[in-house]
Protein backbone atom coordinates (compact mmCIF):
# COMPACT_ATOMS: atom_id res chain seq x y z
CA MET A 1 -0.20 30.97 13.26
CA ILE A 2 2.61 30.11 15.88
CA ASN A 3 0.19 27.74 17.81
CA ALA A 4 -0.51 25.68 14.39
CA PHE A 5 3.33 25.46 14.09
CA LEU A 6 3.98 24.44 17.64
CA LEU A 7 1.11 21.92 17.76
CA THR A 8 2.32 20.38 14.02
CA LEU A 9 6.12 20.30 15.38
CA TRP A 10 4.96 18.60 18.86
CA SER A 11 2.76 15.88 17.07
CA GLY A 12 5.44 15.28 14.70
CA ILE A 13 8.19 14.86 17.31
CA ILE A 14 5.85 12.46 19.39
CA ILE A 15 5.24 10.43 15.80
CA LEU A 16 8.67 10.08 14.83
CA ILE A 17 9.88 9.12 18.72
CA GLY A 18 6.80 6.32 18.34
CA ALA A 19 7.87 5.14 14.91
CA ILE A 20 11.24 4.59 15.86
CA LEU A 21 10.19 2.54 18.96
CA ILE A 22 7.56 0.62 17.12
CA ASN A 23 10.22 -0.09 14.23
CA GLY A 24 12.74 -1.22 16.85
CA LEU A 25 10.16 -3.47 18.45
CA GLY A 26 9.01 -4.57 15.37
CA SER A 27 12.69 -5.50 14.58
CA LYS A 28 13.16 -7.32 17.76
CA LEU A 29 10.01 -9.53 17.40
CA GLY A 30 11.27 -10.52 13.82
CA ILE A 31 8.29 -8.61 12.37
CA GLU A 32 8.68 -6.86 8.87
CA THR A 33 9.18 -2.91 8.86
CA TRP A 34 8.26 -0.52 6.04
CA TYR A 35 12.23 -0.12 5.50
CA GLY A 36 12.48 -3.81 4.93
CA TYR A 37 9.04 -4.38 3.04
CA LEU A 38 9.91 -1.40 0.65
CA ASN A 39 13.27 -2.52 -0.02
CA SER A 40 11.93 -6.31 -0.76
CA ILE A 41 9.47 -4.44 -3.16
CA ALA A 42 12.03 -2.98 -5.20
CA ASP A 43 14.15 -5.93 -5.33
CA LYS A 44 11.10 -8.60 -5.93
CA GLY A 45 8.13 -6.33 -7.01
CA PHE A 46 4.99 -5.86 -4.92
CA GLY A 47 3.15 -9.26 -5.86
CA GLU A 48 6.10 -11.44 -4.82
CA THR A 49 6.87 -9.78 -1.89
CA ASN A 50 3.23 -9.97 -0.63
CA LYS A 51 3.34 -13.70 -1.60
CA ILE A 52 6.41 -14.21 0.61
CA LEU A 53 5.09 -12.43 3.55
CA SER A 54 2.90 -14.04 6.12
CA TRP A 55 -0.23 -12.51 7.03
CA PRO A 56 1.02 -11.17 10.69
CA ASN A 57 3.44 -9.26 8.98
CA LEU A 58 0.77 -7.66 6.36
CA LEU A 59 -1.40 -6.91 9.51
CA PHE A 60 1.18 -5.25 11.27
CA LEU A 61 2.38 -3.06 8.15
CA TYR A 62 -1.12 -2.13 7.05
CA ILE A 63 -3.18 -2.39 10.20
CA ILE A 64 -1.40 -2.18 13.54
CA TYR A 65 1.31 0.40 12.28
CA PRO A 66 -0.86 3.16 10.84
CA LEU A 67 -3.14 2.66 13.96
CA CYS A 68 -0.15 3.27 16.21
CA LEU A 69 1.04 6.21 14.55
CA GLY A 70 -2.62 7.66 14.34
CA GLY A 71 -2.86 7.03 17.92
CA LEU A 72 0.50 8.93 18.88
CA GLY A 73 -0.47 11.88 16.37
CA LEU A 74 -3.78 12.08 18.43
CA MET A 75 -1.65 11.85 21.40
CA GLY A 76 0.52 14.63 20.52
CA VAL A 77 -2.56 17.02 19.70
CA ARG A 78 -4.06 16.19 23.05
CA SER A 79 -0.93 16.72 25.16
CA TYR A 80 -0.14 19.82 23.47
CA GLU A 81 -3.98 21.02 24.37
CA PHE A 82 -3.50 20.08 27.75
CA PHE A 83 -0.20 21.99 28.21
CA ILE A 84 -1.96 25.02 26.52
CA ARG A 85 -4.89 24.73 28.71
CA HIS A 86 -3.12 24.19 32.05
CA PHE A 87 0.46 26.14 31.79
CA MET A 88 -0.11 28.69 29.49
């Protein structure tokens, strides 16, 4: 039970740190982040927001960002398993 908790906590921390870095990088590169995207949807609606955004922004939001977060989650699981196997 404690292992499941620690695994979830560790993976969550890895995903959180990665998400912050990915959002920061996206902002520096002028790519729309989920925060701005959701605010735009709240202001203009889903259809209008998607008409305004360029395809690189949509590609980042719907493909690249989820793949990065999924990869970070996998990295969290694998690094936790590595630590348990080699140091516990």
